PDB file of N, CA and C in Angstrom:
ATOM      1  N   UNK A   1       0.578  -1.039  -0.295  1.00  0.00           N
ATOM      2  CA  UNK A   1       0.087   0.370   0.049  1.00  0.00           C
ATOM      3  C   UNK A   1       1.285   0.934  -0.037  1.00  0.00           C
ATOM      4  N   UNK A   2       2.028   1.202   0.238  1.00  0.00           N
ATOM      5  CA  UNK A   2       3.070   2.726   0.568  1.00  0.00           C
ATOM      6  C   UNK A   2       2.915   3.287  -1.280  1.00  0.00           C
ATOM      7  N   UNK A   3       2.959   2.145  -2.358  1.00  0.00           N
ATOM      8  CA  UNK A   3       3.227   2.771  -3.514  1.00  0.00           C
ATOM      9  C   UNK A   3       1.484   3.848  -3.659  1.00  0.00           C
ATOM     10  N   UNK A   4       0.178   3.105  -3.801  1.00  0.00           N
ATOM     11  CA  UNK A   4      -0.501   3.705  -3.858  1.00  0.00           C
ATOM     12  C   UNK A   4      -0.755   4.791  -3.122  1.00  0.00           C
ATOM     13  N   UNK A   5       0.142   4.700  -1.597  1.00  0.00           N
ATOM     14  CA  UNK A   5      -0.174   6.396  -0.941  1.00  0.00           C
ATOM     15  C   UNK A   5       0.420   7.457  -1.488  1.00  0.00           C
ATOM     16  N   UNK A   6       1.986   7.308  -1.376  1.00  0.00           N
ATOM     17  CA  UNK A   6       2.935   7.625  -2.381  1.00  0.00           C
ATOM     18  C   UNK A   6       2.035   8.463  -3.617  1.00  0.00           C
ATOM     19  N   UNK A   7       1.157   7.310  -4.578  1.00  0.00           N
ATOM     20  CA  UNK A   7       0.533   7.664  -5.947  1.00  0.00           C
ATOM     21  C   UNK A   7      -0.454   9.124  -5.462  1.00  0.00           C
ATOM     22  N   UNK A   8      -0.749   9.004  -4.374  1.00  0.00           N
ATOM     23  CA  UNK A   8      -2.066  10.026  -4.066  1.00  0.00           C
ATOM     24  C   UNK A   8      -1.879  11.028  -3.613  1.00  0.00           C
ATOM     25  N   UNK A   9      -0.598  10.918  -3.315  1.00  0.00           N
ATOM     26  CA  UNK A   9       0.116  11.554  -2.418  1.00  0.00           C
ATOM     27  C   UNK A   9       0.510  13.108  -3.828  1.00  0.00           C
ATOM     28  N   UNK A  10       1.169  12.092  -4.466  1.00  0.00           N
ATOM     29  CA  UNK A  10       1.944  12.905  -5.763  1.00  0.00           C
ATOM     30  C   UNK A  10       0.790  13.512  -6.495  1.00  0.00           C
ATOM     31  N   UNK A  11      -0.501  13.229  -6.700  1.00  0.00           N
ATOM     32  CA  UNK A  11      -1.227  13.300  -7.558  1.00  0.00           C
ATOM     33  C   UNK A  11      -1.741  14.305  -6.878  1.00  0.00           C
ATOM     34  N   UNK A  12      -2.212  14.964  -5.667  1.00  0.00           N
ATOM     35  CA  UNK A  12      -2.536  15.870  -5.132  1.00  0.00           C
ATOM     36  C   UNK A  12      -0.982  17.209  -4.950  1.00  0.00           C
ATOM     37  N   UNK A  13       0.065  16.609  -4.506  1.00  0.00           N
ATOM     38  CA  UNK A  13       1.028  17.765  -4.500  1.00  0.00           C
ATOM     39  C   UNK A  13       1.437  18.056  -5.977  1.00  0.00           C
ATOM     40  N   UNK A  14       1.237  17.288  -7.216  1.00  0.00           N
ATOM     41  CA  UNK A  14       1.912  17.745  -8.625  1.00  0.00           C
ATOM     42  C   UNK A  14       1.636  18.918  -8.893  1.00  0.00           C
ATOM     43  N   UNK A  15       0.175  19.092  -8.818  1.00  0.00           N
ATOM     44  CA  UNK A  15      -1.147  19.944  -9.750  1.00  0.00           C
ATOM     45  C   UNK A  15      -0.433  21.487  -8.865  1.00  0.00           C
ATOM     46  N   UNK A  16       0.060  21.747  -6.595  1.00  0.00           N
ATOM     47  CA  UNK A  16       0.080  22.551  -6.397  1.00  0.00           C
ATOM     48  C   UNK A  16       1.620  22.741  -6.944  1.00  0.00           C
ATOM     49  N   UNK A  17       2.645  21.958  -7.143  1.00  0.00           N
ATOM     50  CA  UNK A  17       3.705  22.862  -7.675  1.00  0.00           C
ATOM     51  C   UNK A  17       4.128  23.481  -8.784  1.00  0.00           C
ATOM     52  N   UNK A  18       2.847  23.146  -9.820  1.00  0.00           N
ATOM     53  CA  UNK A  18       2.720  23.169 -11.280  1.00  0.00           C
ATOM     54  C   UNK A  18       2.058  24.844 -10.745  1.00  0.00           C
ATOM     55  N   UNK A  19       1.577  25.224  -9.629  1.00  0.00           N
ATOM     56  CA  UNK A  19       0.669  26.019  -9.526  1.00  0.00           C
ATOM     57  C   UNK A  19       1.799  27.565  -9.223  1.00  0.00           C
ATOM     58  N   UNK A  20       3.028  26.298  -7.848  1.00  0.00           N
ATOM     59  CA  UNK A  20       4.284  27.526  -7.635  1.00  0.00           C
ATOM     60  C   UNK A  20       5.021  27.837  -8.633  1.00  0.00           C
ATOM     61  N   UNK A  21       5.550  27.214  -9.668  1.00  0.00           N
ATOM     62  CA  UNK A  21       6.247  27.432 -10.416  1.00  0.00           C
ATOM     63  C   UNK A  21       5.737  27.911 -11.558  1.00  0.00           C
ATOM     64  N   UNK A  22       4.054  28.688 -12.267  1.00  0.00           N
ATOM     65  CA  UNK A  22       3.629  29.175 -12.641  1.00  0.00           C
ATOM     66  C   UNK A  22       3.733  30.245 -12.118  1.00  0.00           C
ATOM     67  N   UNK A  23       3.596  30.819 -11.096  1.00  0.00           N
ATOM     68  CA  UNK A  23       3.480  31.726 -10.370  1.00  0.00           C
ATOM     69  C   UNK A  23       5.156  32.456 -10.039  1.00  0.00           C
ATOM     70  N   UNK A  24       6.246  31.900  -9.903  1.00  0.00           N
ATOM     71  CA  UNK A  24       7.131  31.923 -10.371  1.00  0.00           C
ATOM     72  C   UNK A  24       8.153  32.466 -11.668  1.00  0.00           C
ATOM     73  N   UNK A  25       7.281  31.746 -12.774  1.00  0.00           N
ATOM     74  CA  UNK A  25       7.359  32.154 -13.992  1.00  0.00           C
ATOM     75  C   UNK A  25       6.960  33.400 -14.932  1.00  0.00           C
ATOM     76  N   UNK A  26       6.106  33.291 -13.995  1.00  0.00           N
ATOM     77  CA  UNK A  26       4.746  34.909 -14.101  1.00  0.00           C
ATOM     78  C   UNK A  26       5.481  36.204 -13.550  1.00  0.00           C
ATOM     79  N   UNK A  27       6.299  36.420 -13.191  1.00  0.00           N
ATOM     80  CA  UNK A  27       7.069  37.413 -12.511  1.00  0.00           C
ATOM     81  C   UNK A  27       6.606  38.315 -13.109  1.00  0.00           C
ATOM     82  N   UNK A  28       5.855  39.720 -12.434  1.00  0.00           N
ATOM     83  CA  UNK A  28       5.260  41.003 -13.233  1.00  0.00           C
ATOM     84  C   UNK A  28       4.051  41.131 -14.329  1.00  0.00           C
ATOM     85  N   UNK A  29       4.081  39.517 -14.422  1.00  0.00           N
ATOM     86  CA  UNK A  29       2.646  39.267 -15.168  1.00  0.00           C
ATOM     87  C   UNK A  29       1.515  39.256 -14.063  1.00  0.00           C
ATOM     88  N   UNK A  30       1.707  38.385 -13.075  1.00  0.00           N
ATOM     89  CA  UNK A  30       0.402  38.607 -11.968  1.00  0.00           C
ATOM     90  C   UNK A  30       0.716  39.992 -11.043  1.00  0.00           C
ATOM     91  N   UNK A  31       0.126  40.575 -10.381  1.00  0.00           N
ATOM     92  CA  UNK A  31      -0.098  41.726  -9.032  1.00  0.00           C
ATOM     93  C   UNK A  31       0.504  40.519  -8.336  1.00  0.00           C
ATOM     94  N   UNK A  32       0.925  41.279  -7.289  1.00  0.00           N
ATOM     95  CA  UNK A  32       1.724  40.648  -6.223  1.00  0.00           C
ATOM     96  C   UNK A  32       0.675  40.361  -5.135  1.00  0.00           C
ATOM     97  N   UNK A  33      -0.515  41.060  -5.176  1.00  0.00           N
ATOM     98  CA  UNK A  33      -1.603  40.701  -4.157  1.00  0.00           C
ATOM     99  C   UNK A  33      -2.303  39.117  -5.075  1.00  0.00           C
ATOM    100  N   UNK A  34      -2.179  39.028  -6.335  1.00  0.00           N
ATOM    101  CA  UNK A  34      -2.495  37.547  -6.656  1.00  0.00           C
ATOM    102  C   UNK A  34      -2.380  36.748  -6.574  1.00  0.00           C
ATOM    103  N   UNK A  35      -0.053  36.862  -6.858  1.00  0.00           N
ATOM    104  CA  UNK A  35       0.649  36.101  -6.350  1.00  0.00           C
ATOM    105  C   UNK A  35       1.029  35.617  -5.018  1.00  0.00           C
ATOM    106  N   UNK A  36       0.454  36.337  -4.305  1.00  0.00           N
ATOM    107  CA  UNK A  36       0.221  36.073  -2.715  1.00  0.00           C
ATOM    108  C   UNK A  36      -0.747  35.212  -2.316  1.00  0.00           C
ATOM    109  N   UNK A  37      -1.817  35.477  -2.918  1.00  0.00           N
ATOM    110  CA  UNK A  37      -3.739  34.736  -2.729  1.00  0.00           C
ATOM    111  C   UNK A  37      -3.363  33.328  -3.141  1.00  0.00           C
ATOM    112  N   UNK A  38      -2.441  33.101  -4.796  1.00  0.00           N
ATOM    113  CA  UNK A  38      -1.787  31.634  -5.046  1.00  0.00           C
ATOM    114  C   UNK A  38      -1.762  31.272  -3.847  1.00  0.00           C
ATOM    115  N   UNK A  39      -0.584  32.156  -3.605  1.00  0.00           N
ATOM    116  CA  UNK A  39       0.667  30.819  -2.586  1.00  0.00           C
ATOM    117  C   UNK A  39      -0.022  30.608  -1.549  1.00  0.00           C
ATOM    118  N   UNK A  40      -1.200  31.764  -0.924  1.00  0.00           N
ATOM    119  CA  UNK A  40      -1.499  31.613   0.494  1.00  0.00           C
ATOM    120  C   UNK A  40      -2.672  30.154   0.068  1.00  0.00           C
ATOM    121  N   UNK A  41      -3.465  30.054  -1.460  1.00  0.00           N
ATOM    122  CA  UNK A  41      -4.456  28.818  -1.509  1.00  0.00           C
ATOM    123  C   UNK A  41      -3.876  27.626  -1.631  1.00  0.00           C
ATOM    124  N   UNK A  42      -2.414  27.504  -2.261  1.00  0.00           N
ATOM    125  CA  UNK A  42      -1.371  26.162  -2.197  1.00  0.00           C
ATOM    126  C   UNK A  42      -0.736  25.926  -0.598  1.00  0.00           C
ATOM    127  N   UNK A  43      -0.630  26.376   0.314  1.00  0.00           N
ATOM    128  CA  UNK A  43      -0.144  26.435   1.936  1.00  0.00           C
ATOM    129  C   UNK A  43      -1.051  25.968   2.072  1.00  0.00           C
ATOM    130  N   UNK A  44      -2.620  26.466   2.250  1.00  0.00           N
ATOM    131  CA  UNK A  44      -3.563  26.005   3.030  1.00  0.00           C
ATOM    132  C   UNK A  44      -4.280  25.001   2.853  1.00  0.00           C
ATOM    133  N   UNK A  45      -4.230  23.466   1.265  1.00  0.00           N
ATOM    134  CA  UNK A  45      -4.156  22.212   0.454  1.00  0.00           C
ATOM    135  C   UNK A  45      -2.853  21.969   1.680  1.00  0.00           C
ATOM    136  N   UNK A  46      -1.860  22.367   1.514  1.00  0.00           N
ATOM    137  CA  UNK A  46      -1.073  21.102   1.746  1.00  0.00           C
ATOM    138  C   UNK A  46      -0.732  21.058   2.829  1.00  0.00           C
ATOM    139  N   UNK A  47      -1.599  22.388   3.994  1.00  0.00           N
ATOM    140  CA  UNK A  47      -1.331  22.143   5.786  1.00  0.00           C
ATOM    141  C   UNK A  47      -2.527  21.037   5.626  1.00  0.00           C
ATOM    142  N   UNK A  48      -3.415  21.317   5.147  1.00  0.00           N
ATOM    143  CA  UNK A  48      -4.464  19.837   5.114  1.00  0.00           C
ATOM    144  C   UNK A  48      -3.898  18.733   4.858  1.00  0.00           C
ATOM    145  N   UNK A  49      -3.050  18.035   4.690  1.00  0.00           N
ATOM    146  CA  UNK A  49      -2.665  17.329   3.952  1.00  0.00           C
ATOM    147  C   UNK A  49      -2.227  16.133   5.074  1.00  0.00           C
ATOM    148  N   UNK A  50      -3.022  15.468   6.421  1.00  0.00           N
ATOM    149  CA  UNK A  50      -2.594  14.933   6.788  1.00  0.00           C
ATOM    150  C   UNK A  50      -0.812  13.898   6.718  1.00  0.00           C
ATOM    151  N   UNK A  51      -0.652  13.007   5.822  1.00  0.00           N
ATOM    152  CA  UNK A  51       0.003  12.653   5.321  1.00  0.00           C
ATOM    153  C   UNK A  51       0.901  12.502   4.750  1.00  0.00           C
ATOM    154  N   UNK A  52       1.263  14.390   4.800  1.00  0.00           N
ATOM    155  CA  UNK A  52       2.458  15.299   4.295  1.00  0.00           C
ATOM    156  C   UNK A  52       3.498  15.759   5.619  1.00  0.00           C
ATOM    157  N   UNK A  53       4.935  15.209   5.650  1.00  0.00           N
ATOM    158  CA  UNK A  53       5.737  15.654   6.843  1.00  0.00           C
ATOM    159  C   UNK A  53       5.184  16.820   6.854  1.00  0.00           C
ATOM    160  N   UNK A  54       6.007  17.012   8.142  1.00  0.00           N
ATOM    161  CA  UNK A  54       6.244  18.676   8.257  1.00  0.00           C
ATOM    162  C   UNK A  54       7.157  19.174   7.782  1.00  0.00           C
ATOM    163  N   UNK A  55       8.412  18.491   7.931  1.00  0.00           N
ATOM    164  CA  UNK A  55       9.681  19.402   6.961  1.00  0.00           C
ATOM    165  C   UNK A  55       9.285  19.506   5.206  1.00  0.00           C
ATOM    166  N   UNK A  56       8.934  18.087   5.185  1.00  0.00           N
ATOM    167  CA  UNK A  56       7.934  18.281   3.447  1.00  0.00           C
ATOM    168  C   UNK A  56       7.067  20.178   3.585  1.00  0.00           C
ATOM    169  N   UNK A  57       6.192  20.107   4.176  1.00  0.00           N
ATOM    170  CA  UNK A  57       5.238  21.382   4.087  1.00  0.00           C
ATOM    171  C   UNK A  57       6.068  22.739   4.120  1.00  0.00           C
ATOM    172  N   UNK A  58       6.996  22.208   5.500  1.00  0.00           N
ATOM    173  CA  UNK A  58       7.897  23.308   5.669  1.00  0.00           C
ATOM    174  C   UNK A  58       8.852  23.849   4.348  1.00  0.00           C
ATOM    175  N   UNK A  59       9.376  23.280   3.909  1.00  0.00           N
ATOM    176  CA  UNK A  59      10.073  23.231   2.889  1.00  0.00           C
ATOM    177  C   UNK A  59       9.239  23.934   1.597  1.00  0.00           C
ATOM    178  N   UNK A  60       8.709  23.479   1.320  1.00  0.00           N
ATOM    179  CA  UNK A  60       7.939  23.220   0.177  1.00  0.00           C
ATOM    180  C   UNK A  60       7.666  25.532   0.488  1.00  0.00           C
ATOM    181  N   UNK A  61       6.994  25.477   2.199  1.00  0.00           N
ATOM    182  CA  UNK A  61       6.624  26.811   2.355  1.00  0.00           C
ATOM    183  C   UNK A  61       8.096  28.299   2.084  1.00  0.00           C
ATOM    184  N   UNK A  62       9.033  27.345   2.498  1.00  0.00           N
ATOM    185  CA  UNK A  62      10.259  28.129   2.471  1.00  0.00           C
ATOM    186  C   UNK A  62      10.414  28.395   0.837  1.00  0.00           C
ATOM    187  N   UNK A  63      10.524  27.735   0.067  1.00  0.00           N
ATOM    188  CA  UNK A  63      10.536  27.822  -0.800  1.00  0.00           C
ATOM    189  C   UNK A  63       9.573  28.668  -1.629  1.00  0.00           C
ATOM    190  N   UNK A  64       8.327  28.926  -1.804  1.00  0.00           N
ATOM    191  CA  UNK A  64       7.674  29.560  -1.946  1.00  0.00           C
ATOM    192  C   UNK A  64       8.085  31.377  -1.471  1.00  0.00           C
ATOM    193  N   UNK A  65       7.524  31.445  -0.773  1.00  0.00           N
ATOM    194  CA  UNK A  65       7.830  32.653  -0.202  1.00  0.00           C
ATOM    195  C   UNK A  65       8.713  33.307   0.353  1.00  0.00           C
ATOM    196  N   UNK A  66       9.995  32.362  -0.233  1.00  0.00           N
ATOM    197  CA  UNK A  66      11.414  33.149  -0.420  1.00  0.00           C
ATOM    198  C   UNK A  66      11.429  33.784  -1.870  1.00  0.00           C
TER     199      UNK A  66
END
């Protein structure tokens, strides 16, 4: 079952990573408020995942908000 769990987690986190990468690539095309709102939404979803290790969530937050 670990593989199934890993795949389920990847199915959730991969689209969120795409959103974060898109925010980074769209510098200057998004207002700072829009970029911040998207990051907050991604953060909210990540924080709600009980199977995701806290260190992973913290690393994603640091990367997204630097």
